[in-house]
């Protein structure tokens, strides 16, 4: 049996705290009544969830989502709601409101879902995949495009370059692999941004360095993960991507096992001045300012931890004993201290927390 207008008004009065917010729930109910009951229950469930965090977000959600019901599937609407909550948790009310007000931008996500690979559906598999690669552990999060800040790999919310879900999922894996390789094989060592900013056209220098590093890292991936590399080659062929013929010498040198990021920098200097319109479909972008900031913060944390451990050793009045390993010297900080004192100032690890009211995770 369909919900009546009065039933909807009563639910909205409760969820939107109409007695205090003065939101015209009768007008909102009038928008919902003509809809199929399954749509009403779906929308009202998310209104309740959003309102448990911020009432105005829920209010705007009703007004904006109704106008795209005919062109957007329910899964995409749900992703909009979840993303809105994530943005609210990390950036505040105004950016979250912009997500809801620009809900039309997600219509494309609904269209490409038939063949595209969607981050929310594959991030668990990709997280397991990157943890299985050698080297330092990396987190994976959704971002505007593919890049890494050296601690986290950011991926776009949807990949739809190819004609099938399988091909697009493999493209996600190729992106993860290339971004992992940047952290694994030293792309960001030696503060490359400072060197690249010396050039008259720093963006051109950065693009060339990125291209040279992609060549070098492809060779590293071929040696470490030959099966995946063959798929990456197929992707490049499918999009018609080939390196310029006069880059052959650079390609040969950078593909050698002994090559390093400094060799890529040298080749960038040799080729600087060339017009470059060359990107592989999986290389992502460079955000070197973010890399530099994250790496600097990590170094400071590690230096601070080293100072603490050295102070503990200096304060010791007792004999070294039989030299057995003492795990207390390497004890992790007390979790209760995360939000107190200098440990918080130096930076804490933040995790998503389950919120029973919104029936979803709360960001950071």
Protein backbone atom coordinates (compact mmCIF):
# COMPACT_ATOMS: atom_id res chain seq x y z
CA UNK A 1 0.00 0.00 0.00
CA UNK A 2 1.36 3.39 -1.01
CA UNK A 3 2.28 5.95 1.61
CA UNK A 4 -0.21 8.77 1.97
CA UNK A 5 0.80 12.40 1.94
CA UNK A 6 0.03 12.67 5.65
CA UNK A 7 2.25 9.68 6.43
CA UNK A 8 5.09 11.21 4.45
CA UNK A 9 4.61 14.57 6.19
CA UNK A 10 4.80 12.91 9.60
CA UNK A 11 8.00 11.07 8.67
CA UNK A 12 9.60 14.23 7.29
CA UNK A 13 8.51 16.23 10.35
CA UNK A 14 10.46 13.78 12.48
CA UNK A 15 13.53 13.40 10.27
CA UNK A 16 13.90 17.10 9.43
CA UNK A 17 12.97 18.36 12.91
CA UNK A 18 10.34 20.61 11.32
CA UNK A 19 9.24 21.99 14.68
CA UNK A 20 12.63 23.71 15.01
CA UNK A 21 13.83 24.10 11.41
CA UNK A 22 10.50 25.36 9.98
CA UNK A 23 11.09 23.33 6.81
CA UNK A 24 7.86 23.08 4.77
CA UNK A 25 7.47 19.32 4.88
CA UNK A 26 4.03 19.51 3.25
CA UNK A 27 5.64 20.93 0.11
CA UNK A 28 8.28 18.20 0.09
CA UNK A 29 5.62 15.53 0.63
CA UNK A 30 3.74 16.86 -2.38
CA UNK A 31 6.82 16.14 -4.49
CA UNK A 32 7.05 12.58 -3.20
CA UNK A 33 3.39 11.51 -3.34
CA UNK A 34 3.25 11.08 -7.16
CA UNK A 35 6.25 8.73 -7.09
CA UNK A 36 6.11 4.97 -6.90
CA UNK A 37 6.14 3.69 -3.34
CA UNK A 38 9.49 1.94 -3.80
CA UNK A 39 11.06 5.30 -4.69
CA UNK A 40 9.50 6.96 -1.66
CA UNK A 41 10.77 4.36 0.77
CA UNK A 42 14.25 4.54 -0.80
CA UNK A 43 14.42 8.34 -0.68
CA UNK A 44 12.98 8.58 2.83
CA UNK A 45 15.49 6.04 4.13
CA UNK A 46 18.35 8.21 2.87
CA UNK A 47 16.68 11.38 4.15
CA UNK A 48 16.66 9.80 7.61
CA UNK A 49 20.31 8.79 7.29
CA UNK A 50 21.46 12.20 6.04
CA UNK A 51 19.38 14.05 8.62
CA UNK A 52 21.08 12.14 11.42
CA UNK A 53 24.23 14.00 10.40
CA UNK A 54 22.94 17.32 9.05
CA UNK A 55 19.29 18.26 8.50
CA UNK A 56 19.82 20.72 5.67
CA UNK A 57 21.73 18.11 3.67
CA UNK A 58 18.69 15.85 3.92
CA UNK A 59 16.39 18.71 2.93
CA UNK A 60 18.39 19.50 -0.20
CA UNK A 61 18.74 15.80 -1.01
CA UNK A 62 14.94 15.45 -1.45
CA UNK A 63 14.64 18.55 -3.60
CA UNK A 64 17.50 17.65 -5.92
CA UNK A 65 17.29 13.88 -6.22
CA UNK A 66 13.65 13.87 -7.32
CA UNK A 67 14.51 15.68 -10.53
CA UNK A 68 17.01 13.01 -11.63
CA UNK A 69 15.08 9.87 -10.72
CA UNK A 70 14.17 9.22 -14.35
CA UNK A 71 17.77 9.29 -15.56
CA UNK A 72 19.76 7.96 -12.60
CA UNK A 73 19.70 4.46 -11.11
CA UNK A 74 19.30 3.88 -7.38
CA UNK A 75 22.86 2.69 -6.89
CA UNK A 76 24.20 5.97 -8.26
CA UNK A 77 21.83 7.96 -6.04
CA UNK A 78 23.11 6.00 -3.08
CA UNK A 79 26.69 6.79 -4.08
CA UNK A 80 25.80 10.48 -4.22
CA UNK A 81 24.42 10.27 -0.67
CA UNK A 82 27.48 8.41 0.65
CA UNK A 83 29.87 10.77 -1.13
CA UNK A 84 27.97 13.74 0.31
CA UNK A 85 28.49 12.41 3.83
CA UNK A 86 32.17 11.79 3.13
CA UNK A 87 32.62 15.35 1.86
CA UNK A 88 30.76 16.71 4.89
CA UNK A 89 33.02 14.74 7.24
CA UNK A 90 36.22 15.90 5.57
CA UNK A 91 35.40 19.37 4.20
CA UNK A 92 32.27 20.70 5.89
CA UNK A 93 28.73 21.74 5.00
CA UNK A 94 29.20 24.02 2.00
CA UNK A 95 31.25 21.57 -0.15
CA UNK A 96 28.77 18.81 0.74
CA UNK A 97 25.85 21.00 -0.34
CA UNK A 98 27.58 21.57 -3.66
CA UNK A 99 27.69 17.81 -4.24
CA UNK A 100 23.91 17.54 -3.79
CA UNK A 101 23.09 20.65 -5.80
CA UNK A 102 25.21 19.38 -8.71
CA UNK A 103 23.74 15.89 -8.63
CA UNK A 104 23.27 16.06 -12.42
CA UNK A 105 26.99 15.45 -12.80
CA UNK A 106 26.41 11.91 -11.58
CA UNK A 107 24.00 11.12 -14.41
CA UNK A 108 27.01 10.18 -16.53
CA UNK A 109 28.03 7.68 -13.86
CA UNK A 110 24.68 5.96 -14.26
CA UNK A 111 25.13 5.80 -18.03
CA UNK A 112 28.62 4.31 -17.98
CA UNK A 113 27.80 1.79 -15.25
CA UNK A 114 26.77 -0.72 -17.90
CA UNK A 115 30.36 -1.06 -19.16
CA UNK A 116 32.44 0.98 -16.74
CA UNK A 117 34.20 -0.04 -13.57
CA UNK A 118 33.10 1.95 -10.50
CA UNK A 119 35.45 2.66 -7.62
CA UNK A 120 32.89 1.91 -4.91
CA UNK A 121 32.40 -1.57 -6.35
CA UNK A 122 36.07 -2.53 -6.73
CA UNK A 123 38.01 -0.62 -4.07
CA UNK A 124 38.11 -3.65 -1.76
CA UNK A 125 39.67 -5.83 -4.44
CA UNK A 126 42.10 -3.08 -5.42
CA UNK A 127 43.13 -2.56 -1.79
CA UNK A 128 43.90 -6.27 -1.48
CA UNK A 129 45.77 -6.11 -4.79
CA UNK A 130 48.04 -3.22 -3.78
CA UNK A 131 48.72 -4.81 -0.39
CA UNK A 132 49.94 -7.87 -2.25
CA UNK A 133 52.56 -5.88 -4.11
CA UNK A 134 56.01 -5.61 -2.56
CA UNK A 135 57.21 -2.46 -0.86
CA UNK A 136 55.62 -0.01 1.59
CA UNK A 137 51.90 -0.40 2.20
CA UNK A 138 49.69 2.16 0.47
CA UNK A 139 46.11 3.20 1.14
CA UNK A 140 43.56 3.59 -1.66
CA UNK A 141 40.92 6.31 -1.74
CA UNK A 142 38.60 7.89 -4.28
CA UNK A 143 39.78 11.13 -5.85
CA UNK A 144 39.13 13.35 -8.82
CA UNK A 145 41.74 11.52 -10.91
CA UNK A 146 44.54 8.98 -10.56
CA UNK A 147 47.63 10.06 -8.61
CA UNK A 148 49.57 9.29 -5.45
CA UNK A 149 50.92 11.52 -2.70
CA UNK A 150 53.40 8.74 -1.77
CA UNK A 151 51.20 7.38 1.06
CA UNK A 152 47.79 7.09 -0.60
CA UNK A 153 46.74 6.12 -4.12
CA UNK A 154 43.80 8.17 -5.37
CA UNK A 155 41.58 6.80 -8.13
CA UNK A 156 38.69 8.32 -10.13
CA UNK A 157 35.20 7.26 -9.16
CA UNK A 158 34.62 5.54 -12.50
CA UNK A 159 36.74 4.19 -15.36
CA UNK A 160 34.95 3.73 -18.67
CA UNK A 161 37.59 4.10 -21.38
CA UNK A 162 37.07 0.59 -22.79
CA UNK A 163 34.01 -1.35 -23.91
CA UNK A 164 33.70 -3.92 -21.10
CA UNK A 165 33.71 -3.96 -17.32
CA UNK A 166 36.61 -6.42 -17.32
CA UNK A 167 38.80 -4.17 -19.48
CA UNK A 168 38.00 -1.13 -17.35
CA UNK A 169 38.70 -3.02 -14.12
CA UNK A 170 42.06 -4.05 -15.58
CA UNK A 171 42.69 -0.37 -16.31
CA UNK A 172 42.07 0.38 -12.63
CA UNK A 173 44.64 -2.30 -11.76
CA UNK A 174 47.12 -0.81 -14.23
CA UNK A 175 46.67 2.62 -12.64
CA UNK A 176 47.26 1.17 -9.18
CA UNK A 177 50.34 -0.66 -10.41
CA UNK A 178 51.89 2.40 -12.03
CA UNK A 179 51.22 4.60 -9.00
CA UNK A 180 52.59 1.92 -6.68
CA UNK A 181 55.69 1.73 -8.89
CA UNK A 182 56.25 5.48 -8.49
CA UNK A 183 56.59 4.97 -4.73
CA UNK A 184 58.45 1.66 -5.01
CA UNK A 185 61.17 2.66 -7.47
CA UNK A 186 62.05 6.16 -6.32
CA UNK A 187 60.17 8.57 -8.60
CA UNK A 188 59.88 11.13 -5.79
CA UNK A 189 63.32 10.79 -4.24
CA UNK A 190 65.61 13.79 -4.19
CA UNK A 191 62.82 16.41 -4.19
CA UNK A 192 62.28 16.50 -7.97
CA UNK A 193 59.87 19.45 -7.71
CA UNK A 194 62.67 21.82 -6.73
CA UNK A 195 64.69 20.84 -9.78
CA UNK A 196 61.75 20.97 -12.19
CA UNK A 197 60.61 24.38 -10.95
CA UNK A 198 63.93 25.86 -12.11
CA UNK A 199 62.81 25.67 -15.72
CA UNK A 200 61.15 28.53 -17.56
CA UNK A 201 58.18 26.26 -18.26
CA UNK A 202 57.99 24.03 -15.19
CA UNK A 203 54.79 22.26 -16.27
CA UNK A 204 56.48 21.17 -19.48
CA UNK A 205 59.47 19.93 -17.49
CA UNK A 206 57.18 18.02 -15.12
CA UNK A 207 55.30 16.44 -18.03
CA UNK A 208 58.55 15.30 -19.65
CA UNK A 209 59.91 13.92 -16.40
CA UNK A 210 56.63 12.08 -15.90
CA UNK A 211 56.89 10.59 -19.41
CA UNK A 212 60.49 9.48 -18.83
CA UNK A 213 59.59 7.94 -15.49
CA UNK A 214 56.65 6.11 -17.07
CA UNK A 215 59.03 4.49 -19.55
CA UNK A 216 61.42 3.48 -16.74
CA UNK A 217 58.65 2.18 -14.49
CA UNK A 218 57.05 0.19 -17.30
CA UNK A 219 60.34 -1.69 -17.59
CA UNK A 220 60.36 -2.28 -13.81
CA UNK A 221 56.80 -3.61 -13.98
CA UNK A 222 57.68 -5.85 -16.93
CA UNK A 223 60.43 -7.45 -14.84
CA UNK A 224 58.32 -7.79 -11.67
CA UNK A 225 54.82 -8.41 -13.08
CA UNK A 226 55.14 -9.64 -16.67
CA UNK A 227 51.55 -10.88 -16.94
CA UNK A 228 50.05 -7.55 -15.91
CA UNK A 229 52.54 -5.70 -18.09
CA UNK A 230 51.28 -7.59 -21.16
CA UNK A 231 47.80 -6.30 -20.41
CA UNK A 232 49.16 -2.78 -20.06
CA UNK A 233 50.75 -3.10 -23.50
CA UNK A 234 47.41 -4.21 -24.92
CA UNK A 235 45.77 -1.11 -23.42
CA UNK A 236 48.37 1.17 -25.01
CA UNK A 237 47.83 -0.47 -28.39
CA UNK A 238 44.05 -0.20 -28.05
CA UNK A 239 44.25 3.58 -27.57
CA UNK A 240 46.95 3.98 -30.24
CA UNK A 241 49.65 5.19 -27.87
CA UNK A 242 53.26 4.92 -29.13
CA UNK A 243 56.44 6.72 -28.09
CA UNK A 244 58.15 9.05 -30.64
CA UNK A 245 60.78 7.28 -32.74
CA UNK A 246 63.55 9.68 -31.71
CA UNK A 247 62.99 8.62 -28.08
CA UNK A 248 64.44 5.19 -28.82
CA UNK A 249 67.77 5.89 -27.13
CA UNK A 250 66.00 7.20 -24.04
CA UNK A 251 63.70 4.17 -24.09
CA UNK A 252 66.67 1.78 -24.25
CA UNK A 253 68.61 3.45 -21.43
CA UNK A 254 65.63 3.92 -19.12
CA UNK A 255 64.53 0.31 -19.61
CA UNK A 256 67.83 -0.97 -18.21
CA UNK A 257 67.64 -2.58 -14.77
CA UNK A 258 70.29 -0.19 -13.46
CA UNK A 259 68.39 2.97 -14.44
CA UNK A 260 67.04 5.32 -11.78
CA UNK A 261 64.93 8.46 -11.44
CA UNK A 262 68.05 10.57 -11.94
CA UNK A 263 68.39 9.06 -15.44
CA UNK A 264 64.82 10.13 -16.17
CA UNK A 265 65.68 13.62 -14.99
CA UNK A 266 68.71 13.73 -17.29
CA UNK A 267 66.62 12.67 -20.28
CA UNK A 268 64.05 15.29 -19.38
CA UNK A 269 66.82 17.90 -19.61
CA UNK A 270 67.89 16.61 -23.02
CA UNK A 271 64.33 16.64 -24.39
CA UNK A 272 63.15 19.82 -22.68
CA UNK A 273 61.58 22.18 -25.20
CA UNK A 274 59.68 19.53 -27.10
CA UNK A 275 55.93 19.91 -27.41
CA UNK A 276 54.49 16.98 -25.50
CA UNK A 277 51.03 15.54 -25.99
CA UNK A 278 51.70 12.05 -24.76
CA UNK A 279 50.03 10.19 -21.91
CA UNK A 280 49.40 6.55 -21.29
CA UNK A 281 45.89 5.68 -20.17
CA UNK A 282 47.13 4.44 -16.80
CA UNK A 283 49.94 6.79 -15.75
CA UNK A 284 47.75 9.26 -13.84
CA UNK A 285 49.02 12.74 -13.02
CA UNK A 286 51.78 14.19 -10.88
CA UNK A 287 50.82 16.14 -7.76
CA UNK A 288 54.38 16.87 -6.66
CA UNK A 289 53.41 19.58 -4.17
CA UNK A 290 51.28 17.06 -2.31
CA UNK A 291 54.04 14.46 -2.47
CA UNK A 292 56.54 16.91 -1.02
CA UNK A 293 54.19 17.91 1.79
CA UNK A 294 53.33 14.32 2.74
CA UNK A 295 56.94 13.16 2.61
CA UNK A 296 58.11 16.09 4.74
CA UNK A 297 55.46 15.33 7.35
CA UNK A 298 56.46 11.66 7.35
CA UNK A 299 60.13 12.53 7.83
CA UNK A 300 59.28 14.80 10.76
CA UNK A 301 57.19 12.05 12.38
CA UNK A 302 59.99 9.54 11.97
CA UNK A 303 62.57 11.99 13.33
CA UNK A 304 60.36 12.70 16.33
CA UNK A 305 59.92 8.99 17.00
CA UNK A 306 63.68 8.49 16.72
CA UNK A 307 64.31 11.26 19.25
CA UNK A 308 61.88 9.61 21.67
CA UNK A 309 63.59 6.24 21.34
CA UNK A 310 67.06 7.74 21.74
CA UNK A 311 65.91 9.61 24.86
CA UNK A 312 64.58 6.37 26.31
CA UNK A 313 67.92 4.69 25.68
CA UNK A 314 69.90 7.56 27.23
CA UNK A 315 67.67 7.56 30.34
CA UNK A 316 68.29 3.82 30.91
CA UNK A 317 70.42 3.26 34.26
CA UNK A 318 70.54 -0.41 34.05
CA UNK A 319 72.97 -2.81 32.41
CA UNK A 320 72.30 -4.01 28.89
CA UNK A 321 71.91 -7.53 30.24
CA UNK A 322 72.08 -10.42 27.82
CA UNK A 323 71.21 -8.22 24.87
CA UNK A 324 67.83 -9.71 24.15
CA UNK A 325 65.33 -7.66 22.17
CA UNK A 326 63.16 -5.44 24.40
CA UNK A 327 59.80 -4.82 22.67
CA UNK A 328 58.88 -2.07 25.13
CA UNK A 329 61.41 0.22 23.45
CA UNK A 330 59.35 0.08 20.28
CA UNK A 331 55.88 0.30 21.76
CA UNK A 332 53.37 2.15 19.58
CA UNK A 333 51.74 5.31 21.03
CA UNK A 334 48.69 4.76 23.22
CA UNK A 335 45.54 5.09 21.04
CA UNK A 336 43.97 7.18 23.80
CA UNK A 337 46.67 9.78 23.21
CA UNK A 338 45.87 10.25 19.51
CA UNK A 339 43.74 13.32 20.20
CA UNK A 340 45.98 14.76 22.90
CA UNK A 341 49.17 16.80 23.06
CA UNK A 342 52.06 16.72 20.63
CA UNK A 343 51.17 13.36 19.09
CA UNK A 344 48.07 14.89 17.54
CA UNK A 345 50.04 17.92 16.41
CA UNK A 346 52.53 15.71 14.63
CA UNK A 347 49.73 13.87 12.85
CA UNK A 348 47.64 10.81 13.64
CA UNK A 349 46.43 7.91 11.54
CA UNK A 350 42.74 8.45 10.81
CA UNK A 351 40.28 5.64 10.04
CA UNK A 352 36.66 5.44 8.95
CA UNK A 353 34.26 4.74 11.84
CA UNK A 354 30.91 2.97 11.55
CA UNK A 355 27.98 5.31 12.32
CA UNK A 356 24.91 3.28 13.26
CA UNK A 357 22.56 6.22 12.73
CA UNK A 358 23.54 6.81 9.13
CA UNK A 359 24.10 3.07 8.56
CA UNK A 360 27.42 3.91 6.92
CA UNK A 361 31.01 4.82 7.69
CA UNK A 362 32.01 8.27 8.96
CA UNK A 363 35.10 9.54 7.16
CA UNK A 364 38.36 10.02 9.09
